[in-house]
Amino acid sequence: MTATKHPVYALTTYELNERRSALERAIREIPLGSPVPDALRNDLGDVIAEQEQRGRIRQVSRRNDDQDHYCVRQQTTAELERTKRDLQANLGLVTVDSPARVPIQTHMRAIDAELAERADGHHASRLFP
């Protein structure tokens, strides 16, 4: 069984499902009565925990569909700007091919859109008092 290129939390849902299947297959191939290596047991536990966490997140977001995913509308402009700086720093720490880039970039786009909307609203209110 080969190690994954990325940590469990950075795997796509497809990769996570594939990893779980591979680990379960590897455990099934161990002869009955033989101990399951700790590494396999721990890896499978990590994968299952990540899948369960993502399931909980999906349930919460389905209940809150009416809210913006990242709650950017509820943050002040200063908070949005600070969060964007933090996200840019995080983006600089992950590799170019990392799946972790997707949610970071999505959050940054949501912040940019909110800041642009606020700027347009502020500009319009000055033009038409």
N, C-alpha and C. Protein backbone atom coordinates (compact mmCIF):
# COMPACT_ATOMS: atom_id res chain seq x y z
N MET A 1 0.86 -1.18 0.00
CA MET A 1 0.00 0.00 0.00
C MET A 1 0.90 1.24 0.00
N THR A 2 0.66 2.16 -0.90
CA THR A 2 1.49 3.35 -1.01
C THR A 2 0.92 4.49 -0.17
N ALA A 3 1.82 5.31 0.31
CA ALA A 3 1.40 6.48 1.10
C ALA A 3 0.80 7.53 0.15
N THR A 4 -0.09 8.32 0.68
CA THR A 4 -0.70 9.37 -0.14
C THR A 4 0.24 10.56 -0.23
N LYS A 5 0.07 11.31 -1.29
CA LYS A 5 0.90 12.49 -1.53
C LYS A 5 0.52 13.63 -0.58
N HIS A 6 -0.75 13.67 -0.18
CA HIS A 6 -1.27 14.75 0.66
C HIS A 6 -1.82 14.19 1.96
N PRO A 7 -1.87 15.02 3.00
CA PRO A 7 -2.50 14.56 4.25
C PRO A 7 -3.99 14.30 4.03
N VAL A 8 -4.58 13.50 4.91
CA VAL A 8 -5.97 13.08 4.77
C VAL A 8 -6.91 14.27 4.60
N TYR A 9 -6.72 15.34 5.38
CA TYR A 9 -7.64 16.48 5.31
C TYR A 9 -7.58 17.19 3.96
N ALA A 10 -6.51 17.00 3.20
CA ALA A 10 -6.36 17.70 1.92
C ALA A 10 -6.82 16.85 0.74
N LEU A 11 -7.25 15.61 0.99
CA LEU A 11 -7.70 14.75 -0.10
C LEU A 11 -9.09 15.16 -0.58
N THR A 12 -9.33 14.98 -1.87
CA THR A 12 -10.68 15.21 -2.38
C THR A 12 -11.57 14.10 -1.85
N THR A 13 -12.87 14.28 -1.97
CA THR A 13 -13.80 13.26 -1.50
C THR A 13 -13.56 11.94 -2.24
N TYR A 14 -13.32 12.03 -3.53
CA TYR A 14 -13.03 10.83 -4.32
C TYR A 14 -11.77 10.13 -3.80
N GLU A 15 -10.70 10.91 -3.60
CA GLU A 15 -9.44 10.33 -3.11
C GLU A 15 -9.62 9.73 -1.72
N LEU A 16 -10.42 10.38 -0.90
CA LEU A 16 -10.69 9.87 0.44
C LEU A 16 -11.42 8.53 0.37
N ASN A 17 -12.43 8.42 -0.50
CA ASN A 17 -13.16 7.17 -0.67
C ASN A 17 -12.23 6.07 -1.20
N GLU A 18 -11.38 6.41 -2.15
CA GLU A 18 -10.43 5.44 -2.70
C GLU A 18 -9.44 4.97 -1.64
N ARG A 19 -8.97 5.91 -0.83
CA ARG A 19 -8.03 5.57 0.24
C ARG A 19 -8.68 4.62 1.24
N ARG A 20 -9.93 4.90 1.60
CA ARG A 20 -10.64 4.03 2.54
C ARG A 20 -10.80 2.62 1.96
N SER A 21 -11.19 2.54 0.70
CA SER A 21 -11.36 1.22 0.06
C SER A 21 -10.04 0.45 0.04
N ALA A 22 -8.95 1.14 -0.29
CA ALA A 22 -7.64 0.49 -0.35
C ALA A 22 -7.21 0.00 1.04
N LEU A 23 -7.45 0.81 2.06
CA LEU A 23 -7.08 0.40 3.42
C LEU A 23 -7.93 -0.78 3.88
N GLU A 24 -9.22 -0.74 3.60
CA GLU A 24 -10.10 -1.85 3.99
C GLU A 24 -9.71 -3.13 3.25
N ARG A 25 -9.33 -3.00 1.96
CA ARG A 25 -8.87 -4.17 1.19
C ARG A 25 -7.60 -4.74 1.81
N ALA A 26 -6.67 -3.86 2.16
CA ALA A 26 -5.40 -4.31 2.75
C ALA A 26 -5.65 -5.04 4.08
N ILE A 27 -6.58 -4.55 4.87
CA ILE A 27 -6.88 -5.20 6.15
C ILE A 27 -7.56 -6.55 5.92
N ARG A 28 -8.46 -6.63 4.92
CA ARG A 28 -9.13 -7.91 4.63
C ARG A 28 -8.14 -8.96 4.16
N GLU A 29 -7.05 -8.54 3.54
CA GLU A 29 -6.06 -9.49 3.02
C GLU A 29 -5.15 -10.06 4.11
N ILE A 30 -5.20 -9.50 5.29
CA ILE A 30 -4.39 -10.01 6.39
C ILE A 30 -5.02 -11.33 6.87
N PRO A 31 -4.20 -12.38 6.99
CA PRO A 31 -4.75 -13.68 7.42
C PRO A 31 -5.45 -13.58 8.78
N LEU A 32 -6.54 -14.34 8.91
CA LEU A 32 -7.28 -14.36 10.17
C LEU A 32 -6.35 -14.75 11.31
N GLY A 33 -6.51 -14.10 12.42
CA GLY A 33 -5.70 -14.38 13.59
C GLY A 33 -4.40 -13.58 13.63
N SER A 34 -4.02 -12.97 12.51
CA SER A 34 -2.81 -12.14 12.48
C SER A 34 -3.18 -10.73 12.93
N PRO A 35 -2.28 -10.07 13.63
CA PRO A 35 -2.59 -8.71 14.07
C PRO A 35 -2.60 -7.73 12.89
N VAL A 36 -3.50 -6.77 12.98
CA VAL A 36 -3.55 -5.70 11.97
C VAL A 36 -2.49 -4.66 12.36
N PRO A 37 -1.60 -4.33 11.43
CA PRO A 37 -0.57 -3.34 11.75
C PRO A 37 -1.19 -2.01 12.21
N ASP A 38 -0.57 -1.42 13.22
CA ASP A 38 -1.07 -0.15 13.76
C ASP A 38 -1.18 0.92 12.69
N ALA A 39 -0.24 0.94 11.77
CA ALA A 39 -0.26 1.97 10.72
C ALA A 39 -1.54 1.87 9.88
N LEU A 40 -1.94 0.65 9.52
CA LEU A 40 -3.18 0.48 8.74
C LEU A 40 -4.39 0.89 9.56
N ARG A 41 -4.42 0.44 10.81
CA ARG A 41 -5.55 0.76 11.68
C ARG A 41 -5.65 2.27 11.88
N ASN A 42 -4.52 2.93 12.14
CA ASN A 42 -4.52 4.38 12.37
C ASN A 42 -4.90 5.15 11.11
N ASP A 43 -4.36 4.72 9.95
CA ASP A 43 -4.70 5.39 8.68
C ASP A 43 -6.19 5.28 8.40
N LEU A 44 -6.75 4.08 8.60
CA LEU A 44 -8.18 3.89 8.36
C LEU A 44 -9.00 4.73 9.33
N GLY A 45 -8.58 4.80 10.58
CA GLY A 45 -9.27 5.64 11.57
C GLY A 45 -9.26 7.11 11.16
N ASP A 46 -8.12 7.57 10.66
CA ASP A 46 -8.02 8.97 10.21
C ASP A 46 -8.95 9.25 9.03
N VAL A 47 -8.99 8.33 8.09
CA VAL A 47 -9.85 8.49 6.91
C VAL A 47 -11.31 8.52 7.31
N ILE A 48 -11.72 7.58 8.17
CA ILE A 48 -13.11 7.52 8.61
C ILE A 48 -13.48 8.79 9.38
N ALA A 49 -12.58 9.26 10.24
CA ALA A 49 -12.84 10.49 11.01
C ALA A 49 -13.01 11.68 10.07
N GLU A 50 -12.19 11.77 9.03
CA GLU A 50 -12.30 12.87 8.07
C GLU A 50 -13.62 12.79 7.31
N GLN A 51 -14.01 11.58 6.90
CA GLN A 51 -15.29 11.43 6.20
C GLN A 51 -16.46 11.82 7.10
N GLU A 52 -16.40 11.43 8.35
CA GLU A 52 -17.48 11.79 9.28
C GLU A 52 -17.54 13.29 9.51
N GLN A 53 -16.37 13.93 9.64
CA GLN A 53 -16.31 15.38 9.82
C GLN A 53 -16.91 16.10 8.62
N ARG A 54 -16.57 15.65 7.43
CA ARG A 54 -17.13 16.27 6.22
C ARG A 54 -18.63 16.06 6.15
N GLY A 55 -19.10 14.90 6.60
CA GLY A 55 -20.54 14.65 6.63
C GLY A 55 -21.26 15.60 7.57
N ARG A 56 -20.65 15.86 8.74
CA ARG A 56 -21.25 16.82 9.69
C ARG A 56 -21.27 18.22 9.10
N ILE A 57 -20.21 18.59 8.41
CA ILE A 57 -20.15 19.92 7.78
C ILE A 57 -21.24 20.04 6.71
N ARG A 58 -21.42 18.98 5.90
CA ARG A 58 -22.47 19.01 4.87
C ARG A 58 -23.85 19.16 5.49
N GLN A 59 -24.09 18.46 6.60
CA GLN A 59 -25.40 18.58 7.26
C GLN A 59 -25.65 19.99 7.75
N VAL A 60 -24.65 20.60 8.35
CA VAL A 60 -24.79 21.96 8.86
C VAL A 60 -25.02 22.92 7.70
N SER A 61 -24.25 22.76 6.60
CA SER A 61 -24.44 23.71 5.51
C SER A 61 -25.77 23.52 4.80
N ARG A 62 -26.31 22.33 4.80
CA ARG A 62 -27.65 22.14 4.22
C ARG A 62 -28.70 22.85 5.06
N ARG A 63 -28.52 22.85 6.37
CA ARG A 63 -29.47 23.54 7.24
C ARG A 63 -29.34 25.04 7.12
N ASN A 64 -28.17 25.52 6.72
CA ASN A 64 -27.91 26.96 6.66
C ASN A 64 -27.76 27.44 5.22
N ASP A 65 -28.48 26.83 4.29
CA ASP A 65 -28.35 27.20 2.88
C ASP A 65 -28.65 28.67 2.61
N ASP A 66 -29.44 29.29 3.45
CA ASP A 66 -29.79 30.69 3.22
C ASP A 66 -28.67 31.63 3.62
N GLN A 67 -27.66 31.14 4.33
CA GLN A 67 -26.55 31.98 4.75
C GLN A 67 -25.39 31.84 3.77
N ASP A 68 -24.61 32.87 3.65
CA ASP A 68 -23.41 32.81 2.83
C ASP A 68 -22.47 31.77 3.43
N HIS A 69 -21.87 30.95 2.59
CA HIS A 69 -21.06 29.83 3.07
C HIS A 69 -19.97 30.27 4.04
N TYR A 70 -19.33 31.33 3.77
CA TYR A 70 -18.23 31.77 4.64
C TYR A 70 -18.63 32.91 5.56
N CYS A 71 -19.90 33.25 5.60
CA CYS A 71 -20.42 34.30 6.47
C CYS A 71 -19.68 35.62 6.29
N VAL A 72 -19.29 35.93 5.08
CA VAL A 72 -18.54 37.16 4.86
C VAL A 72 -19.39 38.40 5.08
N ARG A 73 -20.69 38.28 4.89
CA ARG A 73 -21.57 39.44 5.07
C ARG A 73 -21.67 39.85 6.53
N GLN A 74 -21.39 38.93 7.41
CA GLN A 74 -21.51 39.22 8.84
C GLN A 74 -20.22 39.79 9.44
N GLN A 75 -19.16 39.87 8.65
CA GLN A 75 -17.89 40.39 9.15
C GLN A 75 -17.73 41.86 8.77
N THR A 76 -16.97 42.56 9.60
CA THR A 76 -16.66 43.96 9.29
C THR A 76 -15.64 43.99 8.15
N THR A 77 -15.50 45.14 7.54
CA THR A 77 -14.52 45.29 6.46
C THR A 77 -13.11 45.00 6.97
N ALA A 78 -12.80 45.47 8.17
CA ALA A 78 -11.48 45.21 8.75
C ALA A 78 -11.26 43.71 8.95
N GLU A 79 -12.29 43.01 9.42
CA GLU A 79 -12.18 41.56 9.62
C GLU A 79 -11.98 40.85 8.29
N LEU A 80 -12.70 41.29 7.27
CA LEU A 80 -12.55 40.69 5.95
C LEU A 80 -11.14 40.90 5.41
N GLU A 81 -10.62 42.10 5.56
CA GLU A 81 -9.27 42.39 5.06
C GLU A 81 -8.22 41.58 5.81
N ARG A 82 -8.38 41.45 7.12
CA ARG A 82 -7.44 40.65 7.92
C ARG A 82 -7.52 39.18 7.51
N THR A 83 -8.74 38.68 7.35
CA THR A 83 -8.93 37.28 6.95
C THR A 83 -8.32 37.03 5.59
N LYS A 84 -8.49 37.98 4.67
CA LYS A 84 -7.91 37.81 3.34
C LYS A 84 -6.38 37.76 3.41
N ARG A 85 -5.78 38.61 4.24
CA ARG A 85 -4.32 38.57 4.41
C ARG A 85 -3.89 37.22 4.96
N ASP A 86 -4.62 36.70 5.94
CA ASP A 86 -4.30 35.40 6.52
C ASP A 86 -4.42 34.29 5.48
N LEU A 87 -5.47 34.37 4.66
CA LEU A 87 -5.66 33.36 3.62
C LEU A 87 -4.54 33.43 2.57
N GLN A 88 -4.12 34.65 2.23
CA GLN A 88 -3.02 34.80 1.27
C GLN A 88 -1.74 34.18 1.84
N ALA A 89 -1.51 34.36 3.14
CA ALA A 89 -0.33 33.76 3.77
C ALA A 89 -0.44 32.24 3.73
N ASN A 90 -1.62 31.71 4.02
CA ASN A 90 -1.82 30.25 3.96
C ASN A 90 -1.61 29.73 2.56
N LEU A 91 -2.08 30.47 1.57
CA LEU A 91 -1.92 30.06 0.18
C LEU A 91 -0.44 29.96 -0.18
N GLY A 92 0.35 30.84 0.39
CA GLY A 92 1.78 30.81 0.13
C GLY A 92 2.48 29.62 0.76
N LEU A 93 1.83 28.98 1.72
CA LEU A 93 2.43 27.84 2.42
C LEU A 93 2.10 26.50 1.79
N VAL A 94 1.06 26.43 0.97
CA VAL A 94 0.69 25.16 0.37
C VAL A 94 1.29 25.05 -1.02
N THR A 95 1.53 23.82 -1.45
CA THR A 95 2.11 23.60 -2.77
C THR A 95 1.11 23.97 -3.86
N VAL A 96 1.63 24.22 -5.04
CA VAL A 96 0.81 24.66 -6.16
C VAL A 96 -0.25 23.62 -6.53
N ASP A 97 0.07 22.33 -6.36
CA ASP A 97 -0.88 21.28 -6.74
C ASP A 97 -1.72 20.77 -5.56
N SER A 98 -1.65 21.45 -4.44
CA SER A 98 -2.39 21.01 -3.26
C SER A 98 -3.89 21.24 -3.40
N PRO A 99 -4.71 20.24 -3.04
CA PRO A 99 -6.15 20.43 -3.06
C PRO A 99 -6.61 21.47 -2.03
N ALA A 100 -5.78 21.78 -1.07
CA ALA A 100 -6.13 22.77 -0.05
C ALA A 100 -6.27 24.17 -0.64
N ARG A 101 -5.71 24.38 -1.82
CA ARG A 101 -5.79 25.70 -2.46
C ARG A 101 -7.23 26.06 -2.83
N VAL A 102 -8.04 25.06 -3.17
CA VAL A 102 -9.40 25.31 -3.67
C VAL A 102 -10.26 26.04 -2.63
N PRO A 103 -10.40 25.51 -1.39
CA PRO A 103 -11.24 26.23 -0.44
C PRO A 103 -10.66 27.59 -0.04
N ILE A 104 -9.34 27.70 -0.01
CA ILE A 104 -8.71 28.98 0.33
C ILE A 104 -9.06 30.01 -0.74
N GLN A 105 -8.90 29.62 -2.00
CA GLN A 105 -9.20 30.55 -3.10
C GLN A 105 -10.69 30.88 -3.16
N THR A 106 -11.54 29.91 -2.86
CA THR A 106 -12.97 30.15 -2.86
C THR A 106 -13.34 31.17 -1.78
N HIS A 107 -12.76 31.02 -0.61
CA HIS A 107 -13.02 31.96 0.48
C HIS A 107 -12.52 33.35 0.10
N MET A 108 -11.35 33.43 -0.52
CA MET A 108 -10.81 34.73 -0.94
C MET A 108 -11.71 35.40 -1.98
N ARG A 109 -12.25 34.60 -2.92
CA ARG A 109 -13.17 35.17 -3.92
C ARG A 109 -14.44 35.70 -3.25
N ALA A 110 -14.93 34.98 -2.25
CA ALA A 110 -16.14 35.45 -1.53
C ALA A 110 -15.85 36.77 -0.82
N ILE A 111 -14.66 36.88 -0.24
CA ILE A 111 -14.27 38.13 0.43
C ILE A 111 -14.14 39.25 -0.59
N ASP A 112 -13.48 38.98 -1.71
CA ASP A 112 -13.32 40.00 -2.75
C ASP A 112 -14.68 40.49 -3.26
N ALA A 113 -15.59 39.56 -3.48
CA ALA A 113 -16.93 39.93 -3.97
C ALA A 113 -17.65 40.79 -2.94
N GLU A 114 -17.56 40.43 -1.67
CA GLU A 114 -18.22 41.21 -0.62
C GLU A 114 -17.61 42.60 -0.51
N LEU A 115 -16.27 42.68 -0.56
CA LEU A 115 -15.61 43.99 -0.47
C LEU A 115 -15.98 44.86 -1.68
N ALA A 116 -16.05 44.24 -2.86
CA ALA A 116 -16.42 45.00 -4.07
C ALA A 116 -17.87 45.49 -3.95
N GLU A 117 -18.75 44.63 -3.45
CA GLU A 117 -20.15 45.03 -3.28
C GLU A 117 -20.27 46.18 -2.29
N ARG A 118 -19.51 46.12 -1.22
CA ARG A 118 -19.53 47.20 -0.24
C ARG A 118 -18.98 48.49 -0.84
N ALA A 119 -17.93 48.38 -1.63
CA ALA A 119 -17.33 49.57 -2.25
C ALA A 119 -18.31 50.19 -3.24
N ASP A 120 -19.00 49.36 -4.02
CA ASP A 120 -19.99 49.87 -4.97
C ASP A 120 -21.14 50.54 -4.24
N GLY A 121 -21.59 49.94 -3.16
CA GLY A 121 -22.68 50.51 -2.37
C GLY A 121 -22.28 51.82 -1.74
N HIS A 122 -21.06 51.90 -1.25
CA HIS A 122 -20.57 53.13 -0.63
C HIS A 122 -20.44 54.22 -1.69
N HIS A 123 -19.92 53.85 -2.87
CA HIS A 123 -19.76 54.81 -3.96
C HIS A 123 -21.13 55.30 -4.42
N ALA A 124 -22.09 54.39 -4.55
CA ALA A 124 -23.44 54.77 -4.99
C ALA A 124 -24.11 55.67 -3.97
N SER A 125 -23.90 55.41 -2.69
CA SER A 125 -24.55 56.25 -1.66
C SER A 125 -23.96 57.66 -1.66
N ARG A 126 -22.70 57.80 -2.07
CA ARG A 126 -22.12 59.14 -2.15
C ARG A 126 -22.62 59.88 -3.38
N LEU A 127 -22.92 59.15 -4.46
CA LEU A 127 -23.40 59.78 -5.68
C LEU A 127 -24.86 60.20 -5.55
N PHE A 128 -25.65 59.36 -4.88
CA PHE A 128 -27.07 59.60 -4.75
C PHE A 128 -27.48 59.64 -3.28
N PRO A 129 -27.22 60.76 -2.60
CA PRO A 129 -27.54 60.82 -1.16
C PRO A 129 -29.01 60.82 -0.86
